[in-house]
Amino acid sequence: MAKRKSFLLRIDPAILDAVRKWADDDLRSMNAQMEFILRRALADAGRLPKPRPPQES
């Protein structure tokens, strides 16, 4: 599994509540929902990074 990085996000409470409801509706965690939204936005903008090939050990 790819490494994950954490960061602090300041967000409007109304936006956070809307994302939380959306995550609940889709049976996702808040973290997974935020990543889903970001990936979709990046793909729509043509900015989604290409997957890295697996590294050999």
PDB file of N, CA and C in Angstrom:
ATOM      1  N   MET A   1       0.838  -1.172   0.000  1.00  0.00           N
ATOM      2  CA  MET A   1       0.000   0.000   0.000  1.00  0.00           C
ATOM      3  C   MET A   1       0.892   1.248   0.000  1.00  0.00           C
ATOM      4  N   ALA A   2       0.451   2.275  -0.687  1.00  0.00           N
ATOM      5  CA  ALA A   2       1.218   3.521  -0.763  1.00  0.00           C
ATOM      6  C   ALA A   2       1.237   4.221   0.588  1.00  0.00           C
ATOM      7  N   LYS A   3       2.337   4.941   0.827  1.00  0.00           N
ATOM      8  CA  LYS A   3       2.430   5.711   2.062  1.00  0.00           C
ATOM      9  C   LYS A   3       1.420   6.841   2.023  1.00  0.00           C
ATOM     10  N   ARG A   4       0.922   7.218   3.170  1.00  0.00           N
ATOM     11  CA  ARG A   4      -0.028   8.325   3.300  1.00  0.00           C
ATOM     12  C   ARG A   4       0.627   9.429   4.105  1.00  0.00           C
ATOM     13  N   LYS A   5       0.297  10.661   3.753  1.00  0.00           N
ATOM     14  CA  LYS A   5       0.776  11.811   4.505  1.00  0.00           C
ATOM     15  C   LYS A   5      -0.424  12.471   5.162  1.00  0.00           C
ATOM     16  N   SER A   6      -0.198  13.046   6.316  1.00  0.00           N
ATOM     17  CA  SER A   6      -1.273  13.756   7.002  1.00  0.00           C
ATOM     18  C   SER A   6      -0.989  15.249   6.962  1.00  0.00           C
ATOM     19  N   PHE A   7      -2.067  16.036   7.072  1.00  0.00           N
ATOM     20  CA  PHE A   7      -1.931  17.489   7.104  1.00  0.00           C
ATOM     21  C   PHE A   7      -3.149  18.081   7.796  1.00  0.00           C
ATOM     22  N   LEU A   8      -2.977  19.302   8.269  1.00  0.00           N
ATOM     23  CA  LEU A   8      -4.052  20.017   8.934  1.00  0.00           C
ATOM     24  C   LEU A   8      -4.882  20.745   7.879  1.00  0.00           C
ATOM     25  N   LEU A   9      -6.194  20.659   7.986  1.00  0.00           N
ATOM     26  CA  LEU A   9      -7.091  21.325   7.046  1.00  0.00           C
ATOM     27  C   LEU A   9      -8.049  22.214   7.815  1.00  0.00           C
ATOM     28  N   ARG A  10      -8.043  23.486   7.490  1.00  0.00           N
ATOM     29  CA  ARG A  10      -9.027  24.407   8.060  1.00  0.00           C
ATOM     30  C   ARG A  10     -10.149  24.515   7.043  1.00  0.00           C
ATOM     31  N   ILE A  11     -11.367  24.277   7.487  1.00  0.00           N
ATOM     32  CA  ILE A  11     -12.493  24.202   6.560  1.00  0.00           C
ATOM     33  C   ILE A  11     -13.743  24.793   7.202  1.00  0.00           C
ATOM     34  N   ASP A  12     -14.562  25.393   6.391  1.00  0.00           N
ATOM     35  CA  ASP A  12     -15.832  25.956   6.843  1.00  0.00           C
ATOM     36  C   ASP A  12     -16.681  24.816   7.431  1.00  0.00           C
ATOM     37  N   PRO A  13     -17.259  25.014   8.613  1.00  0.00           N
ATOM     38  CA  PRO A  13     -18.050  23.951   9.242  1.00  0.00           C
ATOM     39  C   PRO A  13     -19.203  23.444   8.370  1.00  0.00           C
ATOM     40  N   ALA A  14     -19.813  24.308   7.592  1.00  0.00           N
ATOM     41  CA  ALA A  14     -20.919  23.876   6.721  1.00  0.00           C
ATOM     42  C   ALA A  14     -20.409  22.936   5.629  1.00  0.00           C
ATOM     43  N   ILE A  15     -19.227  23.222   5.092  1.00  0.00           N
ATOM     44  CA  ILE A  15     -18.632  22.346   4.074  1.00  0.00           C
ATOM     45  C   ILE A  15     -18.290  20.996   4.695  1.00  0.00           C
ATOM     46  N   LEU A  16     -17.708  21.030   5.877  1.00  0.00           N
ATOM     47  CA  LEU A  16     -17.351  19.795   6.565  1.00  0.00           C
ATOM     48  C   LEU A  16     -18.592  18.941   6.840  1.00  0.00           C
ATOM     49  N   ASP A  17     -19.664  19.558   7.284  1.00  0.00           N
ATOM     50  CA  ASP A  17     -20.903  18.819   7.538  1.00  0.00           C
ATOM     51  C   ASP A  17     -21.458  18.205   6.256  1.00  0.00           C
ATOM     52  N   ALA A  18     -21.389  18.955   5.153  1.00  0.00           N
ATOM     53  CA  ALA A  18     -21.888  18.435   3.876  1.00  0.00           C
ATOM     54  C   ALA A  18     -21.058  17.242   3.410  1.00  0.00           C
ATOM     55  N   VAL A  19     -19.729  17.334   3.564  1.00  0.00           N
ATOM     56  CA  VAL A  19     -18.864  16.221   3.172  1.00  0.00           C
ATOM     57  C   VAL A  19     -19.101  15.020   4.083  1.00  0.00           C
ATOM     58  N   ARG A  20     -19.299  15.275   5.370  1.00  0.00           N
ATOM     59  CA  ARG A  20     -19.567  14.177   6.311  1.00  0.00           C
ATOM     60  C   ARG A  20     -20.858  13.443   5.926  1.00  0.00           C
ATOM     61  N   LYS A  21     -21.897  14.188   5.566  1.00  0.00           N
ATOM     62  CA  LYS A  21     -23.159  13.559   5.158  1.00  0.00           C
ATOM     63  C   LYS A  21     -22.966  12.753   3.874  1.00  0.00           C
ATOM     64  N   TRP A  22     -22.241  13.328   2.926  1.00  0.00           N
ATOM     65  CA  TRP A  22     -21.961  12.639   1.667  1.00  0.00           C
ATOM     66  C   TRP A  22     -21.191  11.347   1.943  1.00  0.00           C
ATOM     67  N   ALA A  23     -20.196  11.405   2.807  1.00  0.00           N
ATOM     68  CA  ALA A  23     -19.423  10.210   3.161  1.00  0.00           C
ATOM     69  C   ALA A  23     -20.323   9.153   3.794  1.00  0.00           C
ATOM     70  N   ASP A  24     -21.189   9.584   4.706  1.00  0.00           N
ATOM     71  CA  ASP A  24     -22.120   8.643   5.346  1.00  0.00           C
ATOM     72  C   ASP A  24     -23.040   8.003   4.305  1.00  0.00           C
ATOM     73  N   ASP A  25     -23.537   8.802   3.372  1.00  0.00           N
ATOM     74  CA  ASP A  25     -24.428   8.290   2.326  1.00  0.00           C
ATOM     75  C   ASP A  25     -23.724   7.266   1.441  1.00  0.00           C
ATOM     76  N   ASP A  26     -22.418   7.478   1.202  1.00  0.00           N
ATOM     77  CA  ASP A  26     -21.644   6.577   0.345  1.00  0.00           C
ATOM     78  C   ASP A  26     -20.925   5.481   1.127  1.00  0.00           C
ATOM     79  N   LEU A  27     -21.183   5.415   2.444  1.00  0.00           N
ATOM     80  CA  LEU A  27     -20.559   4.421   3.322  1.00  0.00           C
ATOM     81  C   LEU A  27     -19.035   4.490   3.258  1.00  0.00           C
ATOM     82  N   ARG A  28     -18.518   5.718   3.271  1.00  0.00           N
ATOM     83  CA  ARG A  28     -17.077   5.945   3.283  1.00  0.00           C
ATOM     84  C   ARG A  28     -16.703   6.693   4.552  1.00  0.00           C
ATOM     85  N   SER A  29     -15.442   6.606   4.919  1.00  0.00           N
ATOM     86  CA  SER A  29     -14.933   7.446   5.993  1.00  0.00           C
ATOM     87  C   SER A  29     -14.777   8.869   5.445  1.00  0.00           C
ATOM     88  N   MET A  30     -14.647   9.831   6.358  1.00  0.00           N
ATOM     89  CA  MET A  30     -14.418  11.209   5.924  1.00  0.00           C
ATOM     90  C   MET A  30     -13.123  11.295   5.126  1.00  0.00           C
ATOM     91  N   ASN A  31     -12.087  10.613   5.591  1.00  0.00           N
ATOM     92  CA  ASN A  31     -10.805  10.636   4.900  1.00  0.00           C
ATOM     93  C   ASN A  31     -10.937  10.079   3.478  1.00  0.00           C
ATOM     94  N   ALA A  32     -11.594   8.953   3.339  1.00  0.00           N
ATOM     95  CA  ALA A  32     -11.781   8.344   2.019  1.00  0.00           C
ATOM     96  C   ALA A  32     -12.624   9.248   1.118  1.00  0.00           C
ATOM     97  N   GLN A  33     -13.621   9.902   1.688  1.00  0.00           N
ATOM     98  CA  GLN A  33     -14.474  10.787   0.893  1.00  0.00           C
ATOM     99  C   GLN A  33     -13.680  11.995   0.395  1.00  0.00           C
ATOM    100  N   MET A  34     -12.858  12.575   1.268  1.00  0.00           N
ATOM    101  CA  MET A  34     -12.045  13.719   0.858  1.00  0.00           C
ATOM    102  C   MET A  34     -11.086  13.320  -0.260  1.00  0.00           C
ATOM    103  N   GLU A  35     -10.480  12.146  -0.142  1.00  0.00           N
ATOM    104  CA  GLU A  35      -9.572  11.687  -1.193  1.00  0.00           C
ATOM    105  C   GLU A  35     -10.342  11.428  -2.491  1.00  0.00           C
ATOM    106  N   PHE A  36     -11.531  10.855  -2.397  1.00  0.00           N
ATOM    107  CA  PHE A  36     -12.380  10.625  -3.566  1.00  0.00           C
ATOM    108  C   PHE A  36     -12.683  11.947  -4.272  1.00  0.00           C
ATOM    109  N   ILE A  37     -13.079  12.958  -3.506  1.00  0.00           N
ATOM    110  CA  ILE A  37     -13.418  14.272  -4.075  1.00  0.00           C
ATOM    111  C   ILE A  37     -12.190  14.902  -4.732  1.00  0.00           C
ATOM    112  N   LEU A  38     -11.061  14.842  -4.048  1.00  0.00           N
ATOM    113  CA  LEU A  38      -9.840  15.423  -4.604  1.00  0.00           C
ATOM    114  C   LEU A  38      -9.389  14.702  -5.866  1.00  0.00           C
ATOM    115  N   ARG A  39      -9.450  13.376  -5.856  1.00  0.00           N
ATOM    116  CA  ARG A  39      -9.058  12.618  -7.056  1.00  0.00           C
ATOM    117  C   ARG A  39      -9.959  12.957  -8.243  1.00  0.00           C
ATOM    118  N   ARG A  40     -11.262  13.066  -7.999  1.00  0.00           N
ATOM    119  CA  ARG A  40     -12.197  13.384  -9.077  1.00  0.00           C
ATOM    120  C   ARG A  40     -11.936  14.787  -9.618  1.00  0.00           C
ATOM    121  N   ALA A  41     -11.693  15.742  -8.714  1.00  0.00           N
ATOM    122  CA  ALA A  41     -11.402  17.112  -9.146  1.00  0.00           C
ATOM    123  C   ALA A  41     -10.105  17.165  -9.952  1.00  0.00           C
ATOM    124  N   LEU A  42      -9.078  16.442  -9.489  1.00  0.00           N
ATOM    125  CA  LEU A  42      -7.815  16.407 -10.216  1.00  0.00           C
ATOM    126  C   LEU A  42      -7.984  15.765 -11.592  1.00  0.00           C
ATOM    127  N   ALA A  43      -8.744  14.690 -11.670  1.00  0.00           N
ATOM    128  CA  ALA A  43      -8.989  14.032 -12.956  1.00  0.00           C
ATOM    129  C   ALA A  43      -9.746  14.959 -13.902  1.00  0.00           C
ATOM    130  N   ASP A  44     -10.766  15.623 -13.397  1.00  0.00           N
ATOM    131  CA  ASP A  44     -11.552  16.549 -14.225  1.00  0.00           C
ATOM    132  C   ASP A  44     -10.695  17.694 -14.755  1.00  0.00           C
ATOM    133  N   ALA A  45      -9.711  18.123 -13.977  1.00  0.00           N
ATOM    134  CA  ALA A  45      -8.832  19.228 -14.366  1.00  0.00           C
ATOM    135  C   ALA A  45      -7.624  18.744 -15.180  1.00  0.00           C
ATOM    136  N   GLY A  46      -7.531  17.430 -15.403  1.00  0.00           N
ATOM    137  CA  GLY A  46      -6.399  16.883 -16.145  1.00  0.00           C
ATOM    138  C   GLY A  46      -5.095  16.955 -15.360  1.00  0.00           C
ATOM    139  N   ARG A  47      -5.181  16.934 -14.047  1.00  0.00           N
ATOM    140  CA  ARG A  47      -3.996  17.068 -13.199  1.00  0.00           C
ATOM    141  C   ARG A  47      -3.749  15.856 -12.311  1.00  0.00           C
ATOM    142  N   LEU A  48      -4.444  14.778 -12.544  1.00  0.00           N
ATOM    143  CA  LEU A  48      -4.251  13.579 -11.737  1.00  0.00           C
ATOM    144  C   LEU A  48      -2.896  12.969 -12.076  1.00  0.00           C
ATOM    145  N   PRO A  49      -2.023  12.796 -11.077  1.00  0.00           N
ATOM    146  CA  PRO A  49      -0.706  12.214 -11.370  1.00  0.00           C
ATOM    147  C   PRO A  49      -0.832  10.779 -11.865  1.00  0.00           C
ATOM    148  N   LYS A  50       0.077  10.423 -12.739  1.00  0.00           N
ATOM    149  CA  LYS A  50       0.097   9.041 -13.251  1.00  0.00           C
ATOM    150  C   LYS A  50       0.619   8.135 -12.141  1.00  0.00           C
ATOM    151  N   PRO A  51       0.071   6.921 -12.033  1.00  0.00           N
ATOM    152  CA  PRO A  51       0.557   5.992 -10.990  1.00  0.00           C
ATOM    153  C   PRO A  51       2.024   5.638 -11.226  1.00  0.00           C
ATOM    154  N   ARG A  52       2.753   5.519 -10.124  1.00  0.00           N
ATOM    155  CA  ARG A  52       4.153   5.126 -10.221  1.00  0.00           C
ATOM    156  C   ARG A  52       4.251   3.621 -10.410  1.00  0.00           C
ATOM    157  N   PRO A  53       5.213   3.172 -11.238  1.00  0.00           N
ATOM    158  CA  PRO A  53       5.394   1.722 -11.359  1.00  0.00           C
ATOM    159  C   PRO A  53       5.937   1.155 -10.056  1.00  0.00           C
ATOM    160  N   PRO A  54       5.607  -0.095  -9.749  1.00  0.00           N
ATOM    161  CA  PRO A  54       6.096  -0.691  -8.501  1.00  0.00           C
ATOM    162  C   PRO A  54       7.613  -0.753  -8.487  1.00  0.00           C
ATOM    163  N   GLN A  55       8.189  -0.503  -7.317  1.00  0.00           N
ATOM    164  CA  GLN A  55       9.648  -0.571  -7.179  1.00  0.00           C
ATOM    165  C   GLN A  55      10.049  -1.977  -6.798  1.00  0.00           C
ATOM    166  N   GLU A  56      11.132  -2.428  -7.388  1.00  0.00           N
ATOM    167  CA  GLU A  56      11.636  -3.770  -7.055  1.00  0.00           C
ATOM    168  C   GLU A  56      12.505  -3.681  -5.803  1.00  0.00           C
ATOM    169  N   SER A  57      12.412  -4.697  -4.975  1.00  0.00           N
ATOM    170  CA  SER A  57      13.202  -4.711  -3.728  1.00  0.00           C
ATOM    171  C   SER A  57      14.495  -5.436  -3.930  1.00  0.00           C
TER     172      SER A  57
END
